[in-house]
N, C-alpha and C. Protein backbone atom coordinates (compact mmCIF):
# COMPACT_ATOMS: atom_id res chain seq x y z
N MET A 1 90.90 74.81 134.74
CA MET A 1 90.25 73.58 134.35
C MET A 1 90.65 73.19 132.93
N GLN A 2 90.70 74.20 132.04
CA GLN A 2 91.08 73.92 130.65
C GLN A 2 92.53 73.46 130.56
N VAL A 3 93.40 74.04 131.39
CA VAL A 3 94.81 73.65 131.39
C VAL A 3 94.94 72.19 131.82
N ALA A 4 94.19 71.79 132.85
CA ALA A 4 94.22 70.39 133.31
C ALA A 4 93.73 69.46 132.21
N TYR A 5 92.65 69.84 131.54
CA TYR A 5 92.10 69.02 130.46
C TYR A 5 93.11 68.89 129.32
N LEU A 6 93.71 70.01 128.90
CA LEU A 6 94.68 69.97 127.81
C LEU A 6 95.93 69.18 128.20
N SER A 7 96.36 69.30 129.45
CA SER A 7 97.52 68.54 129.92
C SER A 7 97.23 67.05 129.88
N LEU A 8 96.06 66.65 130.33
CA LEU A 8 95.66 65.24 130.30
C LEU A 8 95.57 64.74 128.87
N LEU A 9 94.99 65.55 127.98
CA LEU A 9 94.88 65.17 126.57
C LEU A 9 96.24 64.98 125.93
N VAL A 10 97.16 65.91 126.18
CA VAL A 10 98.52 65.80 125.64
C VAL A 10 99.22 64.57 126.21
N ALA A 11 99.04 64.31 127.51
CA ALA A 11 99.66 63.12 128.13
C ALA A 11 99.14 61.84 127.51
N VAL A 12 97.84 61.75 127.25
CA VAL A 12 97.25 60.55 126.64
C VAL A 12 97.77 60.38 125.21
N ILE A 13 97.79 61.44 124.43
CA ILE A 13 98.27 61.34 123.04
C ILE A 13 99.75 60.99 123.02
N ALA A 14 100.55 61.63 123.87
CA ALA A 14 101.99 61.36 123.92
C ALA A 14 102.25 59.93 124.40
N GLY A 15 101.51 59.47 125.40
CA GLY A 15 101.66 58.10 125.88
C GLY A 15 101.31 57.08 124.82
N SER A 16 100.23 57.33 124.10
CA SER A 16 99.82 56.43 123.01
C SER A 16 100.90 56.38 121.94
N TYR A 17 101.44 57.52 121.59
CA TYR A 17 102.48 57.57 120.56
C TYR A 17 103.73 56.83 121.02
N LEU A 18 104.13 57.05 122.26
CA LEU A 18 105.32 56.39 122.79
C LEU A 18 105.14 54.87 122.85
N LEU A 19 103.97 54.41 123.24
CA LEU A 19 103.72 52.97 123.27
C LEU A 19 103.77 52.35 121.88
N SER A 20 103.22 53.05 120.91
CA SER A 20 103.20 52.50 119.55
C SER A 20 104.58 52.54 118.89
N HIS A 21 105.48 53.37 119.37
CA HIS A 21 106.82 53.50 118.80
C HIS A 21 107.91 53.12 119.80
N ARG A 22 107.61 52.22 120.74
CA ARG A 22 108.56 51.89 121.81
C ARG A 22 109.82 51.22 121.29
N ARG A 23 109.79 50.66 120.10
CA ARG A 23 110.99 49.99 119.55
C ARG A 23 111.95 51.00 118.93
N ASN A 24 111.49 52.20 118.63
CA ASN A 24 112.33 53.24 118.00
C ASN A 24 112.44 54.46 118.91
N MET A 25 112.73 54.24 120.19
CA MET A 25 112.75 55.35 121.14
C MET A 25 113.83 56.39 120.82
N GLY A 26 114.96 55.98 120.24
CA GLY A 26 116.00 56.94 119.86
C GLY A 26 115.49 57.91 118.82
N ARG A 27 114.79 57.39 117.84
CA ARG A 27 114.25 58.25 116.78
C ARG A 27 113.13 59.14 117.33
N VAL A 28 112.31 58.61 118.22
CA VAL A 28 111.24 59.40 118.84
C VAL A 28 111.85 60.56 119.62
N ALA A 29 112.91 60.30 120.37
CA ALA A 29 113.56 61.36 121.14
C ALA A 29 114.16 62.42 120.22
N GLN A 30 114.75 61.96 119.10
CA GLN A 30 115.32 62.90 118.13
C GLN A 30 114.23 63.80 117.54
N GLN A 31 113.12 63.23 117.14
CA GLN A 31 112.02 64.01 116.58
C GLN A 31 111.41 64.96 117.62
N ALA A 32 111.29 64.48 118.85
CA ALA A 32 110.76 65.35 119.90
C ALA A 32 111.69 66.54 120.13
N GLY A 33 113.00 66.29 120.09
CA GLY A 33 113.97 67.38 120.25
C GLY A 33 113.86 68.40 119.13
N ILE A 34 113.70 67.91 117.91
CA ILE A 34 113.56 68.82 116.76
C ILE A 34 112.30 69.67 116.89
N TRP A 35 111.18 69.02 117.23
CA TRP A 35 109.93 69.77 117.40
C TRP A 35 110.02 70.76 118.56
N GLY A 36 110.72 70.37 119.62
CA GLY A 36 110.93 71.29 120.74
C GLY A 36 111.71 72.52 120.33
N LEU A 37 112.77 72.33 119.53
CA LEU A 37 113.55 73.47 119.04
C LEU A 37 112.73 74.36 118.11
N ILE A 38 111.92 73.73 117.26
CA ILE A 38 111.04 74.52 116.37
C ILE A 38 110.07 75.35 117.22
N PHE A 39 109.49 74.74 118.23
CA PHE A 39 108.55 75.44 119.11
C PHE A 39 109.23 76.63 119.80
N VAL A 40 110.41 76.41 120.36
CA VAL A 40 111.15 77.48 121.03
C VAL A 40 111.51 78.59 120.04
N GLY A 41 111.90 78.21 118.81
CA GLY A 41 112.23 79.20 117.78
C GLY A 41 111.04 80.07 117.41
N VAL A 42 109.86 79.45 117.28
CA VAL A 42 108.65 80.21 116.94
C VAL A 42 108.30 81.17 118.08
N ILE A 43 108.37 80.68 119.31
CA ILE A 43 108.08 81.55 120.47
C ILE A 43 109.05 82.73 120.50
N ALA A 44 110.34 82.47 120.25
CA ALA A 44 111.34 83.55 120.25
C ALA A 44 111.07 84.55 119.13
N ALA A 45 110.72 84.06 117.94
CA ALA A 45 110.44 84.95 116.81
C ALA A 45 109.23 85.84 117.10
N VAL A 46 108.19 85.26 117.67
CA VAL A 46 106.99 86.04 118.01
C VAL A 46 107.33 87.09 119.07
N GLY A 47 108.10 86.71 120.07
CA GLY A 47 108.46 87.65 121.13
C GLY A 47 109.36 88.77 120.67
N LEU A 48 110.19 88.50 119.68
CA LEU A 48 111.15 89.50 119.19
C LEU A 48 110.69 90.17 117.90
N TRP A 49 109.46 89.92 117.45
CA TRP A 49 109.01 90.42 116.16
C TRP A 49 109.13 91.94 116.04
N GLY A 50 108.78 92.67 117.08
CA GLY A 50 108.88 94.13 117.03
C GLY A 50 110.31 94.59 116.78
N ASP A 51 111.27 93.98 117.47
CA ASP A 51 112.67 94.33 117.27
C ASP A 51 113.15 93.93 115.88
N ILE A 52 112.72 92.76 115.43
CA ILE A 52 113.12 92.30 114.09
C ILE A 52 112.57 93.25 113.03
N ARG A 53 111.29 93.61 113.16
CA ARG A 53 110.67 94.51 112.18
C ARG A 53 111.36 95.86 112.15
N ASN A 54 111.71 96.39 113.33
CA ASN A 54 112.38 97.70 113.39
C ASN A 54 113.78 97.66 112.80
N SER A 55 114.48 96.55 112.97
CA SER A 55 115.84 96.48 112.43
C SER A 55 115.84 96.22 110.93
N VAL A 56 114.81 95.56 110.41
CA VAL A 56 114.74 95.28 108.97
C VAL A 56 114.12 96.46 108.22
N ALA A 57 113.15 97.12 108.81
CA ALA A 57 112.46 98.23 108.15
C ALA A 57 113.39 99.43 108.02
N SER A 58 113.20 100.16 106.95
CA SER A 58 113.98 101.37 106.74
C SER A 58 113.64 102.39 107.82
N GLN A 59 114.63 103.19 108.19
CA GLN A 59 114.43 104.19 109.23
C GLN A 59 114.55 105.59 108.64
N GLN A 60 113.97 106.54 109.35
CA GLN A 60 114.05 107.94 108.98
C GLN A 60 115.51 108.37 108.94
N SER A 61 115.85 109.21 107.95
CA SER A 61 117.23 109.68 107.86
C SER A 61 117.26 111.13 107.41
N VAL A 62 118.39 111.76 107.63
CA VAL A 62 118.61 113.12 107.14
C VAL A 62 119.49 113.00 105.92
N GLY A 63 118.96 113.43 104.77
CA GLY A 63 119.69 113.32 103.52
C GLY A 63 120.56 114.54 103.26
N THR A 64 120.98 114.66 102.03
CA THR A 64 121.81 115.79 101.64
C THR A 64 121.01 117.08 101.74
N ASP A 65 121.69 118.17 102.02
CA ASP A 65 121.08 119.49 102.14
C ASP A 65 120.00 119.55 103.22
N GLY A 66 120.13 118.72 104.25
CA GLY A 66 119.18 118.76 105.36
C GLY A 66 117.82 118.19 105.04
N GLN A 67 117.70 117.47 103.96
CA GLN A 67 116.42 116.83 103.64
C GLN A 67 116.14 115.74 104.66
N ILE A 68 114.88 115.59 104.99
CA ILE A 68 114.47 114.52 105.89
C ILE A 68 113.77 113.48 105.03
N VAL A 69 114.28 112.26 105.08
CA VAL A 69 113.78 111.17 104.25
C VAL A 69 113.01 110.19 105.13
N LEU A 70 111.73 110.04 104.84
CA LEU A 70 110.86 109.14 105.59
C LEU A 70 110.49 107.96 104.70
N PRO A 71 110.95 106.75 105.01
CA PRO A 71 110.64 105.60 104.17
C PRO A 71 109.20 105.14 104.32
N LEU A 72 108.66 104.60 103.25
CA LEU A 72 107.32 104.02 103.26
C LEU A 72 107.36 102.78 104.16
N GLN A 73 106.42 102.68 105.07
CA GLN A 73 106.38 101.54 105.98
C GLN A 73 105.45 100.46 105.45
N ALA A 74 105.48 99.30 106.06
CA ALA A 74 104.72 98.14 105.59
C ALA A 74 103.22 98.40 105.54
N ASP A 75 102.72 99.30 106.39
CA ASP A 75 101.28 99.58 106.39
C ASP A 75 100.87 100.62 105.35
N GLY A 76 101.84 101.09 104.54
CA GLY A 76 101.53 102.04 103.47
C GLY A 76 101.59 103.50 103.89
N HIS A 77 102.03 103.78 105.10
CA HIS A 77 102.09 105.15 105.61
C HIS A 77 103.54 105.57 105.81
N TYR A 78 103.72 106.88 105.95
CA TYR A 78 105.02 107.46 106.28
C TYR A 78 104.95 107.94 107.72
N TYR A 79 106.00 107.64 108.49
CA TYR A 79 106.05 108.04 109.89
C TYR A 79 107.28 108.90 110.13
N ALA A 80 107.10 109.95 110.92
CA ALA A 80 108.20 110.84 111.28
C ALA A 80 108.46 110.71 112.77
N ARG A 81 109.72 110.53 113.11
CA ARG A 81 110.12 110.47 114.52
C ARG A 81 110.61 111.87 114.88
N ALA A 82 109.86 112.56 115.74
CA ALA A 82 110.19 113.93 116.13
C ALA A 82 110.41 113.98 117.64
N THR A 83 111.11 115.01 118.06
CA THR A 83 111.28 115.25 119.49
C THR A 83 110.44 116.47 119.84
N VAL A 84 109.45 116.26 120.70
CA VAL A 84 108.53 117.32 121.08
C VAL A 84 108.76 117.64 122.55
N ASN A 85 109.10 118.89 122.82
CA ASN A 85 109.39 119.32 124.20
C ASN A 85 110.39 118.38 124.86
N GLY A 86 111.37 117.91 124.09
CA GLY A 86 112.42 117.05 124.62
C GLY A 86 112.07 115.57 124.66
N MET A 87 110.87 115.21 124.25
CA MET A 87 110.45 113.80 124.31
C MET A 87 110.23 113.26 122.90
N PRO A 88 110.76 112.06 122.59
CA PRO A 88 110.55 111.50 121.25
C PRO A 88 109.11 111.01 121.06
N LEU A 89 108.53 111.38 119.92
CA LEU A 89 107.18 110.94 119.55
C LEU A 89 107.19 110.52 118.09
N THR A 90 106.36 109.55 117.76
CA THR A 90 106.20 109.13 116.38
C THR A 90 104.90 109.69 115.85
N PHE A 91 104.97 110.35 114.69
CA PHE A 91 103.81 110.93 114.04
C PHE A 91 103.58 110.23 112.70
N MET A 92 102.33 109.97 112.38
CA MET A 92 102.01 109.53 111.03
C MET A 92 101.84 110.79 110.19
N VAL A 93 102.51 110.84 109.05
CA VAL A 93 102.38 112.00 108.16
C VAL A 93 101.01 111.92 107.50
N ASP A 94 100.22 112.98 107.65
CA ASP A 94 98.84 112.99 107.15
C ASP A 94 98.56 114.33 106.49
N THR A 95 98.66 114.35 105.16
CA THR A 95 98.38 115.59 104.44
C THR A 95 96.90 115.93 104.45
N GLY A 96 96.06 114.99 104.88
CA GLY A 96 94.62 115.26 105.00
C GLY A 96 94.26 115.92 106.32
N ALA A 97 95.20 115.96 107.24
CA ALA A 97 94.97 116.63 108.53
C ALA A 97 95.43 118.08 108.39
N SER A 98 94.56 119.01 108.72
CA SER A 98 94.92 120.42 108.54
C SER A 98 95.90 120.90 109.61
N GLN A 99 95.97 120.22 110.74
CA GLN A 99 96.86 120.65 111.82
C GLN A 99 97.67 119.48 112.36
N MET A 100 98.68 119.82 113.16
CA MET A 100 99.39 118.79 113.90
C MET A 100 98.45 118.36 115.02
N VAL A 101 98.19 117.06 115.10
CA VAL A 101 97.21 116.54 116.04
C VAL A 101 97.89 115.57 117.00
N LEU A 102 97.76 115.84 118.29
CA LEU A 102 98.29 114.96 119.31
C LEU A 102 97.18 114.07 119.84
N SER A 103 97.47 112.79 119.98
CA SER A 103 96.52 111.91 120.65
C SER A 103 96.51 112.27 122.13
N ARG A 104 95.46 111.90 122.82
CA ARG A 104 95.39 112.17 124.27
C ARG A 104 96.56 111.51 124.99
N ASP A 105 96.91 110.29 124.59
CA ASP A 105 98.00 109.57 125.27
C ASP A 105 99.33 110.29 125.06
N ASP A 106 99.60 110.73 123.82
CA ASP A 106 100.86 111.44 123.56
C ASP A 106 100.89 112.78 124.28
N ALA A 107 99.76 113.48 124.28
CA ALA A 107 99.71 114.77 124.98
C ALA A 107 99.96 114.58 126.48
N ALA A 108 99.36 113.56 127.06
CA ALA A 108 99.56 113.30 128.49
C ALA A 108 101.02 112.94 128.75
N ALA A 109 101.64 112.17 127.84
CA ALA A 109 103.06 111.82 128.00
C ALA A 109 103.95 113.05 127.95
N LEU A 110 103.51 114.09 127.24
CA LEU A 110 104.27 115.34 127.17
C LEU A 110 104.06 116.21 128.40
N GLY A 111 103.18 115.79 129.29
CA GLY A 111 102.93 116.55 130.50
C GLY A 111 101.75 117.51 130.38
N ILE A 112 100.99 117.38 129.31
CA ILE A 112 99.81 118.23 129.12
C ILE A 112 98.65 117.62 129.92
N ASP A 113 97.97 118.46 130.70
CA ASP A 113 96.82 118.01 131.48
C ASP A 113 95.63 117.88 130.54
N VAL A 114 95.42 116.69 129.96
CA VAL A 114 94.38 116.52 128.95
C VAL A 114 92.98 116.64 129.54
N ASP A 115 92.82 116.36 130.82
CA ASP A 115 91.50 116.49 131.43
C ASP A 115 91.17 117.95 131.75
N GLY A 116 92.21 118.78 131.87
CA GLY A 116 92.00 120.20 132.17
C GLY A 116 91.87 121.07 130.93
N LEU A 117 92.07 120.49 129.73
CA LEU A 117 91.96 121.27 128.50
C LEU A 117 90.51 121.61 128.19
N ARG A 118 90.34 122.71 127.48
CA ARG A 118 88.99 123.11 127.03
C ARG A 118 88.86 122.72 125.57
N TYR A 119 88.08 121.70 125.31
CA TYR A 119 87.88 121.17 123.96
C TYR A 119 86.78 121.97 123.27
N LEU A 120 87.17 123.16 122.81
CA LEU A 120 86.20 124.08 122.21
C LEU A 120 86.09 123.91 120.70
N GLY A 121 87.11 123.37 120.06
CA GLY A 121 87.08 123.17 118.62
C GLY A 121 86.48 121.83 118.25
N GLN A 122 86.25 121.65 116.96
CA GLN A 122 85.72 120.40 116.46
C GLN A 122 86.50 119.99 115.22
N ALA A 123 86.63 118.69 115.05
CA ALA A 123 87.27 118.17 113.85
C ALA A 123 86.44 117.01 113.33
N SER A 124 86.29 116.95 112.01
CA SER A 124 85.60 115.83 111.38
C SER A 124 86.63 114.76 111.06
N THR A 125 86.45 113.59 111.65
CA THR A 125 87.38 112.49 111.45
C THR A 125 86.64 111.30 110.87
N ALA A 126 87.38 110.25 110.59
CA ALA A 126 86.77 109.02 110.09
C ALA A 126 85.83 108.43 111.14
N ASN A 127 86.05 108.76 112.41
CA ASN A 127 85.20 108.26 113.49
C ASN A 127 84.11 109.23 113.89
N GLY A 128 83.91 110.26 113.08
CA GLY A 128 82.89 111.26 113.38
C GLY A 128 83.50 112.55 113.87
N VAL A 129 82.66 113.42 114.41
CA VAL A 129 83.09 114.72 114.90
C VAL A 129 83.61 114.56 116.33
N VAL A 130 84.81 115.12 116.58
CA VAL A 130 85.42 115.05 117.91
C VAL A 130 85.81 116.45 118.37
N GLY A 131 85.91 116.62 119.66
CA GLY A 131 86.35 117.89 120.22
C GLY A 131 87.86 118.01 120.13
N THR A 132 88.32 119.25 119.99
CA THR A 132 89.76 119.52 119.94
C THR A 132 90.10 120.68 120.86
N ALA A 133 91.33 120.66 121.36
CA ALA A 133 91.81 121.74 122.22
C ALA A 133 93.14 122.24 121.66
N GLN A 134 93.30 123.56 121.56
CA GLN A 134 94.54 124.16 121.07
C GLN A 134 95.62 124.09 122.15
N VAL A 135 96.84 123.77 121.73
CA VAL A 135 97.99 123.81 122.62
C VAL A 135 99.16 124.40 121.85
N THR A 136 100.12 124.94 122.59
CA THR A 136 101.36 125.43 121.98
C THR A 136 102.50 124.60 122.53
N LEU A 137 103.27 123.99 121.62
CA LEU A 137 104.40 123.15 121.99
C LEU A 137 105.65 124.01 122.04
N ASP A 138 106.43 123.87 123.08
CA ASP A 138 107.65 124.67 123.22
C ASP A 138 108.59 124.44 122.05
N SER A 139 108.83 123.16 121.69
CA SER A 139 109.75 122.88 120.58
C SER A 139 109.38 121.57 119.91
N VAL A 140 109.61 121.55 118.61
CA VAL A 140 109.45 120.33 117.80
C VAL A 140 110.70 120.21 116.95
N SER A 141 111.43 119.11 117.12
CA SER A 141 112.64 118.87 116.33
C SER A 141 112.41 117.66 115.44
N LEU A 142 112.70 117.85 114.16
CA LEU A 142 112.61 116.78 113.18
C LEU A 142 113.93 116.78 112.43
N GLY A 143 114.70 115.73 112.62
CA GLY A 143 116.05 115.72 112.06
C GLY A 143 116.87 116.80 112.75
N ASP A 144 117.56 117.60 111.95
CA ASP A 144 118.37 118.70 112.50
C ASP A 144 117.59 120.00 112.63
N LEU A 145 116.32 119.99 112.27
CA LEU A 145 115.50 121.20 112.27
C LEU A 145 114.70 121.30 113.56
N THR A 146 114.70 122.48 114.17
CA THR A 146 113.93 122.70 115.40
C THR A 146 113.06 123.93 115.22
N ASP A 147 111.78 123.78 115.54
CA ASP A 147 110.83 124.89 115.51
C ASP A 147 110.33 125.11 116.93
N THR A 148 110.11 126.37 117.29
CA THR A 148 109.61 126.70 118.62
C THR A 148 108.23 127.33 118.51
N GLY A 149 107.47 127.21 119.59
CA GLY A 149 106.13 127.80 119.62
C GLY A 149 105.21 127.19 118.58
N VAL A 150 105.23 125.89 118.43
CA VAL A 150 104.45 125.21 117.40
C VAL A 150 103.02 124.98 117.89
N GLN A 151 102.07 125.42 117.07
CA GLN A 151 100.65 125.23 117.38
C GLN A 151 100.23 123.80 117.03
N ALA A 152 99.45 123.19 117.90
CA ALA A 152 98.93 121.85 117.66
C ALA A 152 97.57 121.76 118.34
N ILE A 153 96.89 120.68 118.07
CA ILE A 153 95.63 120.43 118.76
C ILE A 153 95.70 119.05 119.41
N VAL A 154 94.97 118.91 120.50
CA VAL A 154 94.81 117.62 121.16
C VAL A 154 93.42 117.13 120.81
N ASN A 155 93.37 115.90 120.32
CA ASN A 155 92.11 115.29 119.91
C ASN A 155 91.45 114.65 121.13
N GLU A 156 90.20 115.01 121.38
CA GLU A 156 89.49 114.46 122.52
C GLU A 156 89.08 113.01 122.29
N GLY A 157 88.98 112.60 121.03
CA GLY A 157 88.59 111.23 120.71
C GLY A 157 89.74 110.25 120.81
N GLN A 158 89.43 108.99 120.60
CA GLN A 158 90.43 107.93 120.66
C GLN A 158 91.22 107.90 119.36
N MET A 159 92.56 107.93 119.48
CA MET A 159 93.46 107.84 118.32
C MET A 159 94.57 106.86 118.64
N ASP A 160 95.04 106.15 117.61
CA ASP A 160 96.15 105.22 117.80
C ASP A 160 97.48 105.95 117.93
N GLY A 161 97.60 107.13 117.35
CA GLY A 161 98.85 107.89 117.40
C GLY A 161 98.60 109.31 116.97
N SER A 162 99.65 110.10 116.97
CA SER A 162 99.55 111.51 116.61
C SER A 162 99.77 111.69 115.10
N LEU A 163 99.29 112.81 114.59
CA LEU A 163 99.36 113.10 113.15
C LEU A 163 100.21 114.33 112.89
N LEU A 164 101.07 114.23 111.89
CA LEU A 164 101.85 115.38 111.44
C LEU A 164 101.10 115.96 110.25
N GLY A 165 100.29 116.98 110.53
CA GLY A 165 99.42 117.55 109.51
C GLY A 165 100.01 118.75 108.81
N MET A 166 99.18 119.40 108.01
CA MET A 166 99.63 120.47 107.12
C MET A 166 100.14 121.70 107.85
N SER A 167 99.63 122.01 109.05
CA SER A 167 100.12 123.20 109.75
C SER A 167 101.62 123.09 110.02
N TYR A 168 102.14 121.88 110.20
CA TYR A 168 103.58 121.70 110.38
C TYR A 168 104.28 121.48 109.05
N LEU A 169 103.66 120.72 108.17
CA LEU A 169 104.29 120.41 106.87
C LEU A 169 104.49 121.66 106.02
N ARG A 170 103.70 122.72 106.27
CA ARG A 170 103.87 123.98 105.52
C ARG A 170 105.22 124.64 105.79
N ASN A 171 105.91 124.21 106.85
CA ASN A 171 107.24 124.74 107.14
C ASN A 171 108.28 124.28 106.13
N PHE A 172 107.94 123.33 105.29
CA PHE A 172 108.87 122.80 104.31
C PHE A 172 108.57 123.38 102.94
N SER A 173 109.63 123.69 102.20
CA SER A 173 109.45 124.29 100.88
C SER A 173 109.07 123.25 99.83
N ASN A 174 109.40 121.99 100.11
CA ASN A 174 109.11 120.94 99.14
C ASN A 174 108.79 119.64 99.87
N ILE A 175 107.69 119.04 99.48
CA ILE A 175 107.30 117.72 99.98
C ILE A 175 107.18 116.84 98.75
N GLN A 176 108.02 115.80 98.69
CA GLN A 176 108.12 115.00 97.48
C GLN A 176 108.10 113.52 97.82
N ILE A 177 107.39 112.75 97.00
CA ILE A 177 107.45 111.30 97.12
C ILE A 177 108.29 110.81 95.96
N SER A 178 109.37 110.10 96.30
CA SER A 178 110.27 109.57 95.29
C SER A 178 110.54 108.11 95.62
N GLY A 179 110.10 107.22 94.74
CA GLY A 179 110.23 105.80 95.03
C GLY A 179 109.39 105.46 96.24
N ASP A 180 110.01 104.87 97.24
CA ASP A 180 109.31 104.50 98.47
C ASP A 180 109.69 105.42 99.63
N ALA A 181 109.92 106.69 99.32
CA ALA A 181 110.32 107.62 100.38
C ALA A 181 109.58 108.95 100.22
N LEU A 182 109.25 109.55 101.35
CA LEU A 182 108.71 110.90 101.40
C LEU A 182 109.87 111.79 101.81
N ILE A 183 110.16 112.81 101.01
CA ILE A 183 111.31 113.68 101.24
C ILE A 183 110.81 115.07 101.59
N LEU A 184 111.21 115.56 102.76
CA LEU A 184 110.85 116.90 103.22
C LEU A 184 112.07 117.79 103.11
N THR A 185 111.92 118.93 102.41
CA THR A 185 113.03 119.86 102.21
C THR A 185 112.64 121.23 102.70
N ARG A 186 113.55 121.87 103.45
CA ARG A 186 113.31 123.26 103.89
C ARG A 186 113.98 124.20 102.95
């Protein structure tokens, strides 16, 4: 019903405009074409925004001496792209998290039966106290570095993504922020 109403409204406004400018139809057509191209351009930019942001934003890299360089992202956080059990996952680096924390969605994507886990632990989060379940990950690769038998927890609560906490970050001899980059060195 709303679509019909809006279509009728646009038709009335467009008809009124065309009648009032009937002597300059060439110019009206030119302006309509320009506005149509602007509209299509905005729709394309909105649809491709994720790709544009990823290509413009700095990406994780491996620096000299095997350092892993994580650039500061637009939201003020550092993100690490790791391969867990052969599957790529993005972790937010969180020095306030004592352990590597998997969201339920990421854990399920790794093939972990999140409904069958025993959430015996507890964690205090910004959203309150949540249950946690211990898991062991076969492998975690970050850059050229691979660790096996990595301990992590699955958070029973709702999370937007997984966290790379201190239990994993302790594997690095140096964690440094330099300019707009977080540098991890083994």
